[in-house]
Amino acid sequence: MSNITISEGHGVRFLHFGSPWVQGAMRIARPYALELEYTRDMMVPLLFHGPEWPRNVLQIGLGSASVTKFLHRNRPDARITVVEILPEVVATAKMYFKLPEESEHLRILIGDGYQFVMDAKTRFDLILLDGFDEKGRPGMLDTAAFYMNCRERLARGGMLSVNLLTRRSGTGPSVTRMREAFGDQVRMIAPSDAGNTVALASVSAIDTPAQELRPAALQLKAASGLNLLPVLSRMEAAR
């Protein structure tokens, strides 16, 4: 893809795939913060576990590397594997969005996320899914077969966090496919202002009331600056 473009406005740098649609963003003065609301939503799994979790992360779709940078900085002992299909996206993230250098804790692979999950032998504590083409289509990354493969690759207590774009048909079909793989262990976060809906799925129960997650949210805010308290309100609204 040669139509990757960068724009800036009001102190924020944006990533586009040849259209006005935003594929990622970074506030220039705070490059390690999560600028877009849906990226903050995707961090809700951190509230279900202690500060040492996750130890092994798979991220499918790099974008502007905001989620990568947040976890790399705030979970320094975690091993993060990123699978991105387009080498141009990786190069852009390095040049414009401060993607850290690869190390024993960060591995960047060029490849197809569907194929990677199907072939992988490793189990992950957390799988983050945010993969779309230039028209906002997830392709095979939004199929029951893929979600079943993700479940197979999750460790005990592992969680999947998925960014679903709110399309004309809504997110219902995607959620149905997730439930084919995870049964009742799928939980929604009410859509953000930008129209993204984040869905969580787990191999174990994730029915903890949002109110009971507040202490963990306060602890995370103190440690990292990330405030997920507003997200908990939208989680409760989605129930």
C-alpha atoms as a PDB file:
ATOM      1  CA  MET A   1       0.000   0.000   0.000  1.00  0.00           C
ATOM      2  CA  SER A   2       1.575   3.268  -1.122  1.00  0.00           C
ATOM      3  CA  ASN A   3      -1.250   5.618  -0.103  1.00  0.00           C
ATOM      4  CA  ILE A   4      -0.363   5.949   3.586  1.00  0.00           C
ATOM      5  CA  THR A   5      -0.606   9.602   4.564  1.00  0.00           C
ATOM      6  CA  ILE A   6       0.089  11.635   7.696  1.00  0.00           C
ATOM      7  CA  SER A   7      -1.794  14.706   8.866  1.00  0.00           C
ATOM      8  CA  GLU A   8      -1.466  16.951  11.909  1.00  0.00           C
ATOM      9  CA  GLY A   9      -3.806  19.266  13.732  1.00  0.00           C
ATOM     10  CA  HIS A  10      -4.168  20.735  17.223  1.00  0.00           C
ATOM     11  CA  GLY A  11      -1.044  18.963  18.429  1.00  0.00           C
ATOM     12  CA  VAL A  12      -2.114  15.511  17.200  1.00  0.00           C
ATOM     13  CA  ARG A  13      -0.539  13.475  14.389  1.00  0.00           C
ATOM     14  CA  PHE A  14      -2.870  11.170  12.458  1.00  0.00           C
ATOM     15  CA  LEU A  15      -2.327   8.086  10.314  1.00  0.00           C
ATOM     16  CA  HIS A  16      -4.521   7.530   7.243  1.00  0.00           C
ATOM     17  CA  PHE A  17      -4.696   4.817   4.599  1.00  0.00           C
ATOM     18  CA  GLY A  18      -5.460   7.048   1.631  1.00  0.00           C
ATOM     19  CA  SER A  19      -8.685   8.457   3.059  1.00  0.00           C
ATOM     20  CA  PRO A  20      -9.801  10.903   5.769  1.00  0.00           C
ATOM     21  CA  TRP A  21     -10.601   7.899   7.992  1.00  0.00           C
ATOM     22  CA  VAL A  22      -8.187   7.856  10.947  1.00  0.00           C
ATOM     23  CA  GLN A  23      -6.185   4.642  11.367  1.00  0.00           C
ATOM     24  CA  GLY A  24      -4.184   5.896  14.354  1.00  0.00           C
ATOM     25  CA  ALA A  25      -3.193   9.005  16.256  1.00  0.00           C
ATOM     26  CA  MET A  26      -0.509  10.343  18.581  1.00  0.00           C
ATOM     27  CA  ARG A  27      -0.500  13.527  20.616  1.00  0.00           C
ATOM     28  CA  ILE A  28       2.945  14.886  19.841  1.00  0.00           C
ATOM     29  CA  ALA A  29       3.533  16.209  23.360  1.00  0.00           C
ATOM     30  CA  ARG A  30       2.497  12.841  24.888  1.00  0.00           C
ATOM     31  CA  PRO A  31       3.611  10.160  22.441  1.00  0.00           C
ATOM     32  CA  TYR A  32       3.113   7.251  24.857  1.00  0.00           C
ATOM     33  CA  ALA A  33      -0.454   8.138  25.841  1.00  0.00           C
ATOM     34  CA  LEU A  34      -3.512   6.585  24.194  1.00  0.00           C
ATOM     35  CA  GLU A  35      -5.029   9.427  22.208  1.00  0.00           C
ATOM     36  CA  LEU A  36      -8.020   7.689  20.617  1.00  0.00           C
ATOM     37  CA  GLU A  37     -10.847   6.589  22.870  1.00  0.00           C
ATOM     38  CA  TYR A  38     -11.158   3.104  21.419  1.00  0.00           C
ATOM     39  CA  THR A  39      -7.490   2.358  22.144  1.00  0.00           C
ATOM     40  CA  ARG A  40      -8.182   3.158  25.790  1.00  0.00           C
ATOM     41  CA  ASP A  41     -11.217   0.864  25.671  1.00  0.00           C
ATOM     42  CA  MET A  42      -9.003  -1.942  24.410  1.00  0.00           C
ATOM     43  CA  MET A  43      -6.977  -1.757  27.639  1.00  0.00           C
ATOM     44  CA  VAL A  44      -9.922  -2.756  29.854  1.00  0.00           C
ATOM     45  CA  PRO A  45      -8.578  -6.348  30.178  1.00  0.00           C
ATOM     46  CA  LEU A  46      -5.828  -4.909  32.389  1.00  0.00           C
ATOM     47  CA  LEU A  47      -8.483  -4.266  35.041  1.00  0.00           C
ATOM     48  CA  PHE A  48      -9.370  -7.943  35.372  1.00  0.00           C
ATOM     49  CA  HIS A  49      -5.832  -8.932  36.386  1.00  0.00           C
ATOM     50  CA  GLY A  50      -2.978  -7.723  38.577  1.00  0.00           C
ATOM     51  CA  PRO A  51      -0.201  -5.309  37.568  1.00  0.00           C
ATOM     52  CA  GLU A  52       2.077  -8.174  36.462  1.00  0.00           C
ATOM     53  CA  TRP A  53      -0.401  -9.193  33.747  1.00  0.00           C
ATOM     54  CA  PRO A  54      -0.126  -9.747  30.819  1.00  0.00           C
ATOM     55  CA  ARG A  55       3.220 -11.500  30.384  1.00  0.00           C
ATOM     56  CA  ASN A  56       2.717 -12.502  26.748  1.00  0.00           C
ATOM     57  CA  VAL A  57       0.810 -10.302  24.280  1.00  0.00           C
ATOM     58  CA  LEU A  58      -0.175 -10.722  20.643  1.00  0.00           C
ATOM     59  CA  GLN A  59      -1.202  -7.594  18.759  1.00  0.00           C
ATOM     60  CA  ILE A  60      -2.670  -7.944  15.269  1.00  0.00           C
ATOM     61  CA  GLY A  61      -2.580  -4.676  13.349  1.00  0.00           C
ATOM     62  CA  LEU A  62       0.037  -2.089  14.284  1.00  0.00           C
ATOM     63  CA  GLY A  63      -1.530   1.180  13.107  1.00  0.00           C
ATOM     64  CA  SER A  64       0.214   4.116  14.757  1.00  0.00           C
ATOM     65  CA  ALA A  65       1.652   1.802  17.446  1.00  0.00           C
ATOM     66  CA  SER A  66      -0.141   3.578  20.295  1.00  0.00           C
ATOM     67  CA  VAL A  67      -1.230   0.357  22.019  1.00  0.00           C
ATOM     68  CA  THR A  68       2.221  -1.141  21.435  1.00  0.00           C
ATOM     69  CA  LYS A  69       3.952   1.837  23.045  1.00  0.00           C
ATOM     70  CA  PHE A  70       1.591   1.959  26.002  1.00  0.00           C
ATOM     71  CA  LEU A  71       2.113  -1.690  26.903  1.00  0.00           C
ATOM     72  CA  HIS A  72       5.842  -1.549  26.166  1.00  0.00           C
ATOM     73  CA  ARG A  73       6.216   1.313  28.638  1.00  0.00           C
ATOM     74  CA  ASN A  74       3.720   0.275  31.316  1.00  0.00           C
ATOM     75  CA  ARG A  75       4.181  -3.510  31.208  1.00  0.00           C
ATOM     76  CA  PRO A  76       7.958  -3.623  30.674  1.00  0.00           C
ATOM     77  CA  ASP A  77       8.235  -7.328  31.528  1.00  0.00           C
ATOM     78  CA  ALA A  78       5.645  -8.353  28.945  1.00  0.00           C
ATOM     79  CA  ARG A  79       6.716  -9.963  25.690  1.00  0.00           C
ATOM     80  CA  ILE A  80       4.817  -8.272  22.866  1.00  0.00           C
ATOM     81  CA  THR A  81       4.485  -9.794  19.410  1.00  0.00           C
ATOM     82  CA  VAL A  82       3.009  -7.525  16.731  1.00  0.00           C
ATOM     83  CA  VAL A  83       1.799  -8.950  13.417  1.00  0.00           C
ATOM     84  CA  GLU A  84       1.305  -6.337  10.697  1.00  0.00           C
ATOM     85  CA  ILE A  85       0.588  -7.265   7.093  1.00  0.00           C
ATOM     86  CA  LEU A  86       2.023  -4.093   5.523  1.00  0.00           C
ATOM     87  CA  PRO A  87       5.733  -3.281   5.888  1.00  0.00           C
ATOM     88  CA  GLU A  88       4.908   0.331   4.987  1.00  0.00           C
ATOM     89  CA  VAL A  89       2.856   0.648   8.168  1.00  0.00           C
ATOM     90  CA  VAL A  90       5.805  -0.520  10.268  1.00  0.00           C
ATOM     91  CA  ALA A  91       8.140   1.935   8.523  1.00  0.00           C
ATOM     92  CA  THR A  92       5.649   4.772   9.049  1.00  0.00           C
ATOM     93  CA  ALA A  93       5.223   3.920  12.739  1.00  0.00           C
ATOM     94  CA  LYS A  94       8.983   4.058  13.203  1.00  0.00           C
ATOM     95  CA  MET A  95       9.383   7.337  11.335  1.00  0.00           C
ATOM     96  CA  TYR A  96       6.388   9.307  12.588  1.00  0.00           C
ATOM     97  CA  PHE A  97       4.962   7.598  15.700  1.00  0.00           C
ATOM     98  CA  LYS A  98       7.995   6.626  17.812  1.00  0.00           C
ATOM     99  CA  LEU A  99       7.645   2.857  17.517  1.00  0.00           C
ATOM    100  CA  PRO A 100      10.352   1.424  19.829  1.00  0.00           C
ATOM    101  CA  GLU A 101      13.171  -0.672  18.466  1.00  0.00           C
ATOM    102  CA  GLU A 102      12.712  -4.427  18.537  1.00  0.00           C
ATOM    103  CA  SER A 103      14.118  -6.213  21.563  1.00  0.00           C
ATOM    104  CA  GLU A 104      13.599  -9.363  23.610  1.00  0.00           C
ATOM    105  CA  HIS A 105      10.348  -7.753  24.789  1.00  0.00           C
ATOM    106  CA  LEU A 106       9.102  -6.461  21.424  1.00  0.00           C
ATOM    107  CA  ARG A 107       8.955  -8.408  18.180  1.00  0.00           C
ATOM    108  CA  ILE A 108       7.490  -7.014  14.948  1.00  0.00           C
ATOM    109  CA  LEU A 109       6.499  -9.526  12.269  1.00  0.00           C
ATOM    110  CA  ILE A 110       5.348  -8.790   8.732  1.00  0.00           C
ATOM    111  CA  GLY A 111       2.612 -11.241   7.920  1.00  0.00           C
ATOM    112  CA  ASP A 112      -1.056 -12.130   7.827  1.00  0.00           C
ATOM    113  CA  GLY A 113      -2.684 -12.150  11.262  1.00  0.00           C
ATOM    114  CA  TYR A 114      -5.156 -14.884  10.350  1.00  0.00           C
ATOM    115  CA  GLN A 115      -2.404 -17.203   9.193  1.00  0.00           C
ATOM    116  CA  PHE A 116      -0.199 -16.373  12.181  1.00  0.00           C
ATOM    117  CA  VAL A 117      -2.877 -17.315  14.692  1.00  0.00           C
ATOM    118  CA  MET A 118      -3.742 -20.478  12.795  1.00  0.00           C
ATOM    119  CA  ASP A 119      -0.092 -21.615  12.770  1.00  0.00           C
ATOM    120  CA  ALA A 120       1.024 -20.373  16.202  1.00  0.00           C
ATOM    121  CA  LYS A 121       1.922 -22.732  19.025  1.00  0.00           C
ATOM    122  CA  THR A 122       2.464 -20.094  21.714  1.00  0.00           C
ATOM    123  CA  ARG A 123      -0.296 -19.198  24.172  1.00  0.00           C
ATOM    124  CA  PHE A 124      -0.939 -15.548  24.917  1.00  0.00           C
ATOM    125  CA  ASP A 125      -2.426 -13.833  27.953  1.00  0.00           C
ATOM    126  CA  LEU A 126      -3.830 -11.023  25.840  1.00  0.00           C
ATOM    127  CA  ILE A 127      -4.665 -10.818  22.142  1.00  0.00           C
ATOM    128  CA  LEU A 128      -5.394  -7.355  20.742  1.00  0.00           C
ATOM    129  CA  LEU A 129      -7.167  -7.244  17.401  1.00  0.00           C
ATOM    130  CA  ASP A 130      -7.334  -4.028  15.378  1.00  0.00           C
ATOM    131  CA  GLY A 131      -6.828  -4.974  11.748  1.00  0.00           C
ATOM    132  CA  PHE A 132      -8.567  -3.284   8.805  1.00  0.00           C
ATOM    133  CA  ASP A 133      -7.838  -2.435   5.207  1.00  0.00           C
ATOM    134  CA  GLU A 134      -8.076   1.050   3.690  1.00  0.00           C
ATOM    135  CA  LYS A 135     -11.864   0.695   3.435  1.00  0.00           C
ATOM    136  CA  GLY A 136     -12.306  -0.355   7.051  1.00  0.00           C
ATOM    137  CA  ARG A 137     -12.849  -4.038   6.269  1.00  0.00           C
ATOM    138  CA  PRO A 138     -11.401  -6.708   8.600  1.00  0.00           C
ATOM    139  CA  GLY A 139     -11.671  -9.559   6.097  1.00  0.00           C
ATOM    140  CA  MET A 140     -10.843 -12.963   7.588  1.00  0.00           C
ATOM    141  CA  LEU A 141     -10.058 -11.346  10.952  1.00  0.00           C
ATOM    142  CA  ASP A 142     -13.802 -11.150  11.617  1.00  0.00           C
ATOM    143  CA  THR A 143     -14.801 -14.784  11.122  1.00  0.00           C
ATOM    144  CA  ALA A 144     -15.933 -17.474  13.533  1.00  0.00           C
ATOM    145  CA  ALA A 145     -12.969 -19.621  12.472  1.00  0.00           C
ATOM    146  CA  PHE A 146     -10.532 -16.869  13.364  1.00  0.00           C
ATOM    147  CA  TYR A 147     -12.130 -16.244  16.768  1.00  0.00           C
ATOM    148  CA  MET A 148     -11.992 -19.974  17.478  1.00  0.00           C
ATOM    149  CA  ASN A 149      -8.301 -19.988  16.624  1.00  0.00           C
ATOM    150  CA  CYS A 150      -7.786 -17.014  18.950  1.00  0.00           C
ATOM    151  CA  ARG A 151      -9.467 -18.929  21.763  1.00  0.00           C
ATOM    152  CA  GLU A 152      -7.102 -21.835  21.187  1.00  0.00           C
ATOM    153  CA  ARG A 153      -4.131 -19.505  21.486  1.00  0.00           C
ATOM    154  CA  LEU A 154      -5.221 -17.931  24.794  1.00  0.00           C
ATOM    155  CA  ALA A 155      -3.621 -19.013  28.048  1.00  0.00           C
ATOM    156  CA  ARG A 156      -5.705 -19.805  31.119  1.00  0.00           C
ATOM    157  CA  GLY A 157      -7.544 -16.619  32.054  1.00  0.00           C
ATOM    158  CA  GLY A 158      -6.504 -15.078  28.732  1.00  0.00           C
ATOM    159  CA  MET A 159      -8.538 -12.357  27.049  1.00  0.00           C
ATOM    160  CA  LEU A 160      -9.224 -11.102  23.541  1.00  0.00           C
ATOM    161  CA  SER A 161      -9.835  -7.386  22.961  1.00  0.00           C
ATOM    162  CA  VAL A 162     -11.311  -6.481  19.572  1.00  0.00           C
ATOM    163  CA  ASN A 163     -11.955  -3.154  17.873  1.00  0.00           C
ATOM    164  CA  LEU A 164     -15.194  -3.389  15.875  1.00  0.00           C
ATOM    165  CA  LEU A 165     -16.140  -0.547  13.566  1.00  0.00           C
ATOM    166  CA  THR A 166     -19.809   0.373  13.766  1.00  0.00           C
ATOM    167  CA  ARG A 167     -21.007  -0.266  10.242  1.00  0.00           C
ATOM    168  CA  ARG A 168     -24.407   0.065   8.613  1.00  0.00           C
ATOM    169  CA  SER A 169     -25.258  -3.470   9.700  1.00  0.00           C
ATOM    170  CA  GLY A 170     -24.010  -2.808  13.232  1.00  0.00           C
ATOM    171  CA  THR A 171     -21.711  -5.002  15.264  1.00  0.00           C
ATOM    172  CA  GLY A 172     -24.287  -7.749  15.851  1.00  0.00           C
ATOM    173  CA  PRO A 173     -22.938 -10.187  13.226  1.00  0.00           C
ATOM    174  CA  SER A 174     -19.392  -9.817  14.581  1.00  0.00           C
ATOM    175  CA  VAL A 175     -20.536 -10.418  18.149  1.00  0.00           C
ATOM    176  CA  THR A 176     -22.481 -13.483  17.035  1.00  0.00           C
ATOM    177  CA  ARG A 177     -19.319 -14.884  15.469  1.00  0.00           C
ATOM    178  CA  MET A 178     -17.346 -14.170  18.642  1.00  0.00           C
ATOM    179  CA  ARG A 179     -19.971 -15.996  20.698  1.00  0.00           C
ATOM    180  CA  GLU A 180     -19.643 -19.028  18.443  1.00  0.00           C
ATOM    181  CA  ALA A 181     -16.093 -19.271  19.754  1.00  0.00           C
ATOM    182  CA  PHE A 182     -16.413 -17.949  23.311  1.00  0.00           C
ATOM    183  CA  GLY A 183     -20.010 -18.667  24.267  1.00  0.00           C
ATOM    184  CA  ASP A 184     -21.357 -16.297  26.902  1.00  0.00           C
ATOM    185  CA  GLN A 185     -17.897 -14.972  27.785  1.00  0.00           C
ATOM    186  CA  VAL A 186     -18.192 -11.962  25.487  1.00  0.00           C
ATOM    187  CA  ARG A 187     -18.652  -8.493  26.881  1.00  0.00           C
ATOM    188  CA  MET A 188     -19.282  -5.229  25.074  1.00  0.00           C
ATOM    189  CA  ILE A 189     -18.266  -1.644  25.747  1.00  0.00           C
ATOM    190  CA  ALA A 190     -20.805   0.923  24.558  1.00  0.00           C
ATOM    191  CA  PRO A 191     -19.595   2.681  21.396  1.00  0.00           C
ATOM    192  CA  SER A 192     -17.184   5.584  21.644  1.00  0.00           C
ATOM    193  CA  ASP A 193     -17.949   8.962  20.104  1.00  0.00           C
ATOM    194  CA  ALA A 194     -15.951   7.969  17.018  1.00  0.00           C
ATOM    195  CA  GLY A 195     -18.184   4.959  16.373  1.00  0.00           C
ATOM    196  CA  ASN A 196     -15.828   2.221  17.477  1.00  0.00           C
ATOM    197  CA  THR A 197     -17.166  -0.586  19.630  1.00  0.00           C
ATOM    198  CA  VAL A 198     -14.731  -2.705  21.618  1.00  0.00           C
ATOM    199  CA  ALA A 199     -15.669  -6.277  22.467  1.00  0.00           C
ATOM    200  CA  LEU A 200     -13.927  -8.423  25.064  1.00  0.00           C
ATOM    201  CA  ALA A 201     -13.885 -12.200  25.114  1.00  0.00           C
ATOM    202  CA  SER A 202     -12.295 -14.667  27.489  1.00  0.00           C
ATOM    203  CA  VAL A 203     -11.792 -18.355  28.072  1.00  0.00           C
ATOM    204  CA  SER A 204     -13.089 -17.783  31.621  1.00  0.00           C
ATOM    205  CA  ALA A 205     -15.826 -15.673  33.203  1.00  0.00           C
ATOM    206  CA  ILE A 206     -15.622 -11.909  32.677  1.00  0.00           C
ATOM    207  CA  ASP A 207     -18.907 -10.969  34.339  1.00  0.00           C
ATOM    208  CA  THR A 208     -17.364  -8.868  37.128  1.00  0.00           C
ATOM    209  CA  PRO A 209     -19.619  -5.804  37.642  1.00  0.00           C
ATOM    210  CA  ALA A 210     -18.002  -2.635  36.349  1.00  0.00           C
ATOM    211  CA  GLN A 211     -18.257  -1.066  39.796  1.00  0.00           C
ATOM    212  CA  GLU A 212     -15.997  -3.775  41.232  1.00  0.00           C
ATOM    213  CA  LEU A 213     -13.317  -2.876  38.685  1.00  0.00           C
ATOM    214  CA  ARG A 214     -13.019   0.704  39.952  1.00  0.00           C
ATOM    215  CA  PRO A 215     -10.171  -0.020  42.434  1.00  0.00           C
ATOM    216  CA  ALA A 216      -8.127  -1.566  39.620  1.00  0.00           C
ATOM    217  CA  ALA A 217      -8.921   1.417  37.395  1.00  0.00           C
ATOM    218  CA  LEU A 218      -7.719   3.821  40.065  1.00  0.00           C
ATOM    219  CA  GLN A 219      -4.528   1.811  40.509  1.00  0.00           C
ATOM    220  CA  LEU A 220      -3.884   1.803  36.759  1.00  0.00           C
ATOM    221  CA  LYS A 221      -4.516   5.536  36.557  1.00  0.00           C
ATOM    222  CA  ALA A 222      -2.009   6.213  39.335  1.00  0.00           C
ATOM    223  CA  ALA A 223       0.616   3.990  37.730  1.00  0.00           C
ATOM    224  CA  SER A 224       0.229   4.949  34.080  1.00  0.00           C
ATOM    225  CA  GLY A 225      -1.968   8.031  33.785  1.00  0.00           C
ATOM    226  CA  LEU A 226      -4.591   6.037  31.878  1.00  0.00           C
ATOM    227  CA  ASN A 227      -8.067   6.788  33.214  1.00  0.00           C
ATOM    228  CA  LEU A 228     -10.497   3.956  32.469  1.00  0.00           C
ATOM    229  CA  LEU A 229     -13.173   5.094  34.910  1.00  0.00           C
ATOM    230  CA  PRO A 230     -15.302   6.625  32.102  1.00  0.00           C
ATOM    231  CA  VAL A 231     -14.980   3.355  30.182  1.00  0.00           C
ATOM    232  CA  LEU A 232     -16.460   1.432  33.109  1.00  0.00           C
ATOM    233  CA  SER A 233     -19.582   3.569  32.868  1.00  0.00           C
ATOM    234  CA  ARG A 234     -19.955   2.655  29.200  1.00  0.00           C
ATOM    235  CA  MET A 235     -19.379  -1.010  30.025  1.00  0.00           C
ATOM    236  CA  GLU A 236     -22.250  -0.891  32.478  1.00  0.00           C
ATOM    237  CA  ALA A 237     -24.420   0.881  29.910  1.00  0.00           C
ATOM    238  CA  ALA A 238     -23.722  -1.900  27.395  1.00  0.00           C
ATOM    239  CA  ARG A 239     -25.031  -4.555  29.783  1.00  0.00           C
END
